[in-house]
PDB file of N, CA and C in Angstrom:
ATOM      1  N   MET A   1      62.788  52.266  10.853  1.00  0.00           N
ATOM      2  CA  MET A   1      63.956  52.489  11.687  1.00  0.00           C
ATOM      3  C   MET A   1      64.851  51.257  11.569  1.00  0.00           C
ATOM      4  N   THR A   2      66.111  51.480  11.302  1.00  0.00           N
ATOM      5  CA  THR A   2      67.018  50.353  11.175  1.00  0.00           C
ATOM      6  C   THR A   2      67.724  50.083  12.480  1.00  0.00           C
ATOM      7  N   ALA A   3      67.894  48.819  12.778  1.00  0.00           N
ATOM      8  CA  ALA A   3      68.592  48.442  14.000  1.00  0.00           C
ATOM      9  C   ALA A   3      70.095  48.548  13.792  1.00  0.00           C
ATOM     10  N   ARG A   4      70.790  48.949  14.838  1.00  0.00           N
ATOM     11  CA  ARG A   4      72.226  49.057  14.747  1.00  0.00           C
ATOM     12  C   ARG A   4      72.870  47.683  14.770  1.00  0.00           C
ATOM     13  N   TRP A   5      72.351  46.797  15.577  1.00  0.00           N
ATOM     14  CA  TRP A   5      72.885  45.453  15.663  1.00  0.00           C
ATOM     15  C   TRP A   5      71.836  44.438  15.223  1.00  0.00           C
ATOM     16  N   PRO A   6      72.286  43.285  14.697  1.00  0.00           N
ATOM     17  CA  PRO A   6      71.273  42.284  14.288  1.00  0.00           C
ATOM     18  C   PRO A   6      70.522  41.732  15.524  1.00  0.00           C
ATOM     19  N   VAL A   7      69.312  41.362  15.306  1.00  0.00           N
ATOM     20  CA  VAL A   7      68.477  40.820  16.361  1.00  0.00           C
ATOM     21  C   VAL A   7      68.958  39.421  16.698  1.00  0.00           C
ATOM     22  N   ARG A   8      69.222  39.185  17.956  1.00  0.00           N
ATOM     23  CA  ARG A   8      69.610  37.844  18.412  1.00  0.00           C
ATOM     24  C   ARG A   8      68.368  36.992  18.587  1.00  0.00           C
ATOM     25  N   ARG A   9      68.440  35.787  18.140  1.00  0.00           N
ATOM     26  CA  ARG A   9      67.318  34.879  18.268  1.00  0.00           C
ATOM     27  C   ARG A   9      67.572  33.930  19.405  1.00  0.00           C
ATOM     28  N   PRO A  10      66.499  33.435  20.076  1.00  0.00           N
ATOM     29  CA  PRO A  10      66.685  32.546  21.218  1.00  0.00           C
ATOM     30  C   PRO A  10      67.461  31.280  20.856  1.00  0.00           C
ATOM     31  N   THR A  11      67.246  30.767  19.690  1.00  0.00           N
ATOM     32  CA  THR A  11      67.945  29.537  19.296  1.00  0.00           C
ATOM     33  C   THR A  11      69.434  29.796  19.114  1.00  0.00           C
ATOM     34  N   GLU A  12      69.786  31.020  18.689  1.00  0.00           N
ATOM     35  CA  GLU A  12      71.201  31.368  18.503  1.00  0.00           C
ATOM     36  C   GLU A  12      71.895  31.377  19.883  1.00  0.00           C
ATOM     37  N   HIS A  13      71.264  31.952  20.879  1.00  0.00           N
ATOM     38  CA  HIS A  13      71.821  32.006  22.216  1.00  0.00           C
ATOM     39  C   HIS A  13      71.972  30.572  22.762  1.00  0.00           C
ATOM     40  N   ALA A  14      70.978  29.727  22.582  1.00  0.00           N
ATOM     41  CA  ALA A  14      71.076  28.350  23.061  1.00  0.00           C
ATOM     42  C   ALA A  14      72.174  27.587  22.329  1.00  0.00           C
ATOM     43  N   ALA A  15      72.316  27.816  21.043  1.00  0.00           N
ATOM     44  CA  ALA A  15      73.362  27.144  20.305  1.00  0.00           C
ATOM     45  C   ALA A  15      74.766  27.562  20.762  1.00  0.00           C
ATOM     46  N   LEU A  16      74.924  28.843  21.032  1.00  0.00           N
ATOM     47  CA  LEU A  16      76.226  29.307  21.520  1.00  0.00           C
ATOM     48  C   LEU A  16      76.561  28.741  22.883  1.00  0.00           C
ATOM     49  N   ARG A  17      75.571  28.641  23.771  1.00  0.00           N
ATOM     50  CA  ARG A  17      75.774  28.031  25.073  1.00  0.00           C
ATOM     51  C   ARG A  17      76.162  26.553  24.931  1.00  0.00           C
ATOM     52  N   ALA A  18      75.486  25.841  24.028  1.00  0.00           N
ATOM     53  CA  ALA A  18      75.755  24.418  23.840  1.00  0.00           C
ATOM     54  C   ALA A  18      77.173  24.196  23.302  1.00  0.00           C
ATOM     55  N   VAL A  19      77.593  25.062  22.413  1.00  0.00           N
ATOM     56  CA  VAL A  19      78.946  24.924  21.836  1.00  0.00           C
ATOM     57  C   VAL A  19      80.013  25.163  22.918  1.00  0.00           C
ATOM     58  N   CYS A  20      79.759  26.131  23.795  1.00  0.00           N
ATOM     59  CA  CYS A  20      80.706  26.420  24.856  1.00  0.00           C
ATOM     60  C   CYS A  20      80.835  25.256  25.848  1.00  0.00           C
ATOM     61  N   ARG A  21      79.775  24.480  25.994  1.00  0.00           N
ATOM     62  CA  ARG A  21      79.807  23.355  26.944  1.00  0.00           C
ATOM     63  C   ARG A  21      80.346  22.090  26.363  1.00  0.00           C
ATOM     64  N   SER A  22      80.302  21.941  25.037  1.00  0.00           N
ATOM     65  CA  SER A  22      80.711  20.692  24.422  1.00  0.00           C
ATOM     66  C   SER A  22      82.204  20.685  24.135  1.00  0.00           C
ATOM     67  N   ALA A  23      82.815  19.548  24.369  1.00  0.00           N
ATOM     68  CA  ALA A  23      84.251  19.407  24.075  1.00  0.00           C
ATOM     69  C   ALA A  23      84.417  18.851  22.664  1.00  0.00           C
ATOM     70  N   ARG A  24      85.249  19.470  21.907  1.00  0.00           N
ATOM     71  CA  ARG A  24      85.527  18.980  20.566  1.00  0.00           C
ATOM     72  C   ARG A  24      86.866  18.284  20.533  1.00  0.00           C
ATOM     73  N   PRO A  25      86.953  17.091  19.946  1.00  0.00           N
ATOM     74  CA  PRO A  25      88.252  16.423  19.917  1.00  0.00           C
ATOM     75  C   PRO A  25      89.243  17.162  19.035  1.00  0.00           C
ATOM     76  N   ALA A  26      90.422  17.324  19.515  1.00  0.00           N
ATOM     77  CA  ALA A  26      91.489  18.001  18.731  1.00  0.00           C
ATOM     78  C   ALA A  26      92.156  17.004  17.807  1.00  0.00           C
ATOM     79  N   PRO A  27      92.635  17.447  16.677  1.00  0.00           N
ATOM     80  CA  PRO A  27      93.360  16.546  15.774  1.00  0.00           C
ATOM     81  C   PRO A  27      94.660  16.081  16.437  1.00  0.00           C
ATOM     82  N   SER A  28      95.137  14.948  16.014  1.00  0.00           N
ATOM     83  CA  SER A  28      96.385  14.417  16.588  1.00  0.00           C
ATOM     84  C   SER A  28      97.586  15.257  16.151  1.00  0.00           C
ATOM     85  N   VAL A  29      98.663  15.162  16.937  1.00  0.00           N
ATOM     86  CA  VAL A  29      99.865  15.917  16.620  1.00  0.00           C
ATOM     87  C   VAL A  29     100.419  15.506  15.263  1.00  0.00           C
ATOM     88  N   PRO A  30     100.479  14.207  14.897  1.00  0.00           N
ATOM     89  CA  PRO A  30     100.992  13.871  13.567  1.00  0.00           C
ATOM     90  C   PRO A  30     100.172  14.469  12.422  1.00  0.00           C
ATOM     91  N   ALA A  31      98.859  14.515  12.603  1.00  0.00           N
ATOM     92  CA  ALA A  31      98.015  15.130  11.566  1.00  0.00           C
ATOM     93  C   ALA A  31      98.279  16.629  11.459  1.00  0.00           C
ATOM     94  N   LEU A  32      98.452  17.273  12.574  1.00  0.00           N
ATOM     95  CA  LEU A  32      98.773  18.694  12.580  1.00  0.00           C
ATOM     96  C   LEU A  32     100.145  18.971  11.989  1.00  0.00           C
ATOM     97  N   MET A  33     101.119  18.120  12.272  1.00  0.00           N
ATOM     98  CA  MET A  33     102.449  18.270  11.675  1.00  0.00           C
ATOM     99  C   MET A  33     102.395  18.085  10.183  1.00  0.00           C
ATOM    100  N   ALA A  34     101.566  17.148   9.693  1.00  0.00           N
ATOM    101  CA  ALA A  34     101.420  16.952   8.264  1.00  0.00           C
ATOM    102  C   ALA A  34     100.809  18.221   7.634  1.00  0.00           C
ATOM    103  N   ALA A  35      99.855  18.813   8.305  1.00  0.00           N
ATOM    104  CA  ALA A  35      99.276  20.086   7.823  1.00  0.00           C
ATOM    105  C   ALA A  35     100.274  21.190   7.805  1.00  0.00           C
ATOM    106  N   LEU A  36     101.133  21.215   8.811  1.00  0.00           N
ATOM    107  CA  LEU A  36     102.184  22.225   8.879  1.00  0.00           C
ATOM    108  C   LEU A  36     103.166  22.074   7.722  1.00  0.00           C
ATOM    109  N   LEU A  37     103.591  20.829   7.476  1.00  0.00           N
ATOM    110  CA  LEU A  37     104.517  20.571   6.342  1.00  0.00           C
ATOM    111  C   LEU A  37     103.861  20.925   5.009  1.00  0.00           C
ATOM    112  N   ASP A  38     102.596  20.572   4.869  1.00  0.00           N
ATOM    113  CA  ASP A  38     101.879  20.861   3.619  1.00  0.00           C
ATOM    114  C   ASP A  38     101.774  22.382   3.396  1.00  0.00           C
ATOM    115  N   ALA A  39     101.436  23.125   4.460  1.00  0.00           N
ATOM    116  CA  ALA A  39     101.352  24.584   4.340  1.00  0.00           C
ATOM    117  C   ALA A  39     102.699  25.179   4.003  1.00  0.00           C
ATOM    118  N   ASN A  40     103.747  24.639   4.596  1.00  0.00           N
ATOM    119  CA  ASN A  40     105.094  25.138   4.334  1.00  0.00           C
ATOM    120  C   ASN A  40     105.495  24.887   2.879  1.00  0.00           C
ATOM    121  N   GLU A  41     105.173  23.723   2.371  1.00  0.00           N
ATOM    122  CA  GLU A  41     105.501  23.416   0.952  1.00  0.00           C
ATOM    123  C   GLU A  41     104.748  24.316   0.002  1.00  0.00           C
ATOM    124  N   ARG A  42     103.543  24.682   0.373  1.00  0.00           N
ATOM    125  CA  ARG A  42     102.712  25.572  -0.499  1.00  0.00           C
ATOM    126  C   ARG A  42     103.023  27.029  -0.280  1.00  0.00           C
ATOM    127  N   ARG A  43     103.928  27.343   0.638  1.00  0.00           N
ATOM    128  CA  ARG A  43     104.311  28.699   0.978  1.00  0.00           C
ATOM    129  C   ARG A  43     103.128  29.525   1.449  1.00  0.00           C
ATOM    130  N   ASP A  44     102.261  28.877   2.243  1.00  0.00           N
ATOM    131  CA  ASP A  44     101.088  29.510   2.812  1.00  0.00           C
ATOM    132  C   ASP A  44     101.438  29.997   4.218  1.00  0.00           C
ATOM    133  N   ARG A  45     101.781  31.255   4.373  1.00  0.00           N
ATOM    134  CA  ARG A  45     102.229  31.777   5.643  1.00  0.00           C
ATOM    135  C   ARG A  45     101.146  31.716   6.704  1.00  0.00           C
ATOM    136  N   GLU A  46      99.906  32.011   6.334  1.00  0.00           N
ATOM    137  CA  GLU A  46      98.813  31.978   7.307  1.00  0.00           C
ATOM    138  C   GLU A  46      98.553  30.531   7.764  1.00  0.00           C
ATOM    139  N   GLY A  47      98.622  29.584   6.832  1.00  0.00           N
ATOM    140  CA  GLY A  47      98.444  28.173   7.170  1.00  0.00           C
ATOM    141  C   GLY A  47      99.570  27.669   8.064  1.00  0.00           C
ATOM    142  N   VAL A  48     100.781  28.107   7.794  1.00  0.00           N
ATOM    143  CA  VAL A  48     101.940  27.714   8.650  1.00  0.00           C
ATOM    144  C   VAL A  48     101.732  28.229  10.041  1.00  0.00           C
ATOM    145  N   CYS A  49     101.314  29.458  10.170  1.00  0.00           N
ATOM    146  CA  CYS A  49     101.093  30.060  11.481  1.00  0.00           C
ATOM    147  C   CYS A  49      99.981  29.323  12.231  1.00  0.00           C
ATOM    148  N   LEU A  50      98.857  29.059  11.569  1.00  0.00           N
ATOM    149  CA  LEU A  50      97.759  28.369  12.216  1.00  0.00           C
ATOM    150  C   LEU A  50      98.120  26.945  12.617  1.00  0.00           C
ATOM    151  N   ALA A  51      98.804  26.227  11.719  1.00  0.00           N
ATOM    152  CA  ALA A  51      99.190  24.856  12.029  1.00  0.00           C
ATOM    153  C   ALA A  51     100.233  24.800  13.141  1.00  0.00           C
ATOM    154  N   ALA A  52     101.176  25.723  13.133  1.00  0.00           N
ATOM    155  CA  ALA A  52     102.208  25.745  14.176  1.00  0.00           C
ATOM    156  C   ALA A  52     101.577  26.003  15.543  1.00  0.00           C
ATOM    157  N   HIS A  53     100.642  26.932  15.612  1.00  0.00           N
ATOM    158  CA  HIS A  53      99.991  27.209  16.883  1.00  0.00           C
ATOM    159  C   HIS A  53      99.158  26.023  17.329  1.00  0.00           C
ATOM    160  N   ALA A  54      98.481  25.369  16.397  1.00  0.00           N
ATOM    161  CA  ALA A  54      97.681  24.207  16.744  1.00  0.00           C
ATOM    162  C   ALA A  54      98.568  23.067  17.258  1.00  0.00           C
ATOM    163  N   VAL A  55      99.762  22.886  16.664  1.00  0.00           N
ATOM    164  CA  VAL A  55     100.657  21.823  17.126  1.00  0.00           C
ATOM    165  C   VAL A  55     101.085  22.121  18.575  1.00  0.00           C
ATOM    166  N   VAL A  56     101.420  23.351  18.854  1.00  0.00           N
ATOM    167  CA  VAL A  56     101.867  23.691  20.219  1.00  0.00           C
ATOM    168  C   VAL A  56     100.721  23.502  21.196  1.00  0.00           C
ATOM    169  N   ARG A  57      99.540  23.884  20.853  1.00  0.00           N
ATOM    170  CA  ARG A  57      98.373  23.683  21.763  1.00  0.00           C
ATOM    171  C   ARG A  57      98.080  22.205  21.986  1.00  0.00           C
ATOM    172  N   ALA A  58      98.218  21.408  20.936  1.00  0.00           N
ATOM    173  CA  ALA A  58      97.929  19.966  21.060  1.00  0.00           C
ATOM    174  C   ALA A  58      99.013  19.251  21.852  1.00  0.00           C
ATOM    175  N   ALA A  59     100.246  19.723  21.739  1.00  0.00           N
ATOM    176  CA  ALA A  59     101.356  19.068  22.437  1.00  0.00           C
ATOM    177  C   ALA A  59     101.355  19.360  23.925  1.00  0.00           C
ATOM    178  N   ALA A  60     101.016  20.560  24.299  1.00  0.00           N
ATOM    179  CA  ALA A  60     100.997  20.949  25.731  1.00  0.00           C
ATOM    180  C   ALA A  60      99.796  21.818  26.026  1.00  0.00           C
ATOM    181  N   PRO A  61      98.600  21.230  26.118  1.00  0.00           N
ATOM    182  CA  PRO A  61      97.384  22.044  26.218  1.00  0.00           C
ATOM    183  C   PRO A  61      97.288  22.823  27.537  1.00  0.00           C
ATOM    184  N   SER A  62      97.866  22.325  28.613  1.00  0.00           N
ATOM    185  CA  SER A  62      97.715  23.014  29.907  1.00  0.00           C
ATOM    186  C   SER A  62      98.715  24.138  30.076  1.00  0.00           C
ATOM    187  N   GLU A  63      99.751  24.227  29.248  1.00  0.00           N
ATOM    188  CA  GLU A  63     100.784  25.219  29.442  1.00  0.00           C
ATOM    189  C   GLU A  63     100.629  26.428  28.510  1.00  0.00           C
ATOM    190  N   VAL A  64      99.811  26.325  27.481  1.00  0.00           N
ATOM    191  CA  VAL A  64      99.688  27.401  26.482  1.00  0.00           C
ATOM    192  C   VAL A  64      98.583  28.342  26.848  1.00  0.00           C
ATOM    193  N   GLY A  65      98.906  29.615  26.971  1.00  0.00           N
ATOM    194  CA  GLY A  65      97.897  30.647  27.198  1.00  0.00           C
ATOM    195  C   GLY A  65      97.220  30.606  28.541  1.00  0.00           C
ATOM    196  N   GLU A  66      97.747  29.926  29.491  1.00  0.00           N
ATOM    197  CA  GLU A  66      97.103  29.857  30.809  1.00  0.00           C
ATOM    198  C   GLU A  66      98.000  30.541  31.804  1.00  0.00           C
TER     199      GLU A  66
END
């Protein structure tokens, strides 16, 4: 009998909880702007979108999406 969903392992659940509790440092705004310029020069639309959103989140973290 095949399972419809993969079996979750106890270590996987613990790892997901630990990740949710840990704070990850965000890149600086200048580094994100450099990534945005680089993606724009390479004509990478997905990279431009990701970098632009990251810049906005880094510049005003309490105002975005809340």
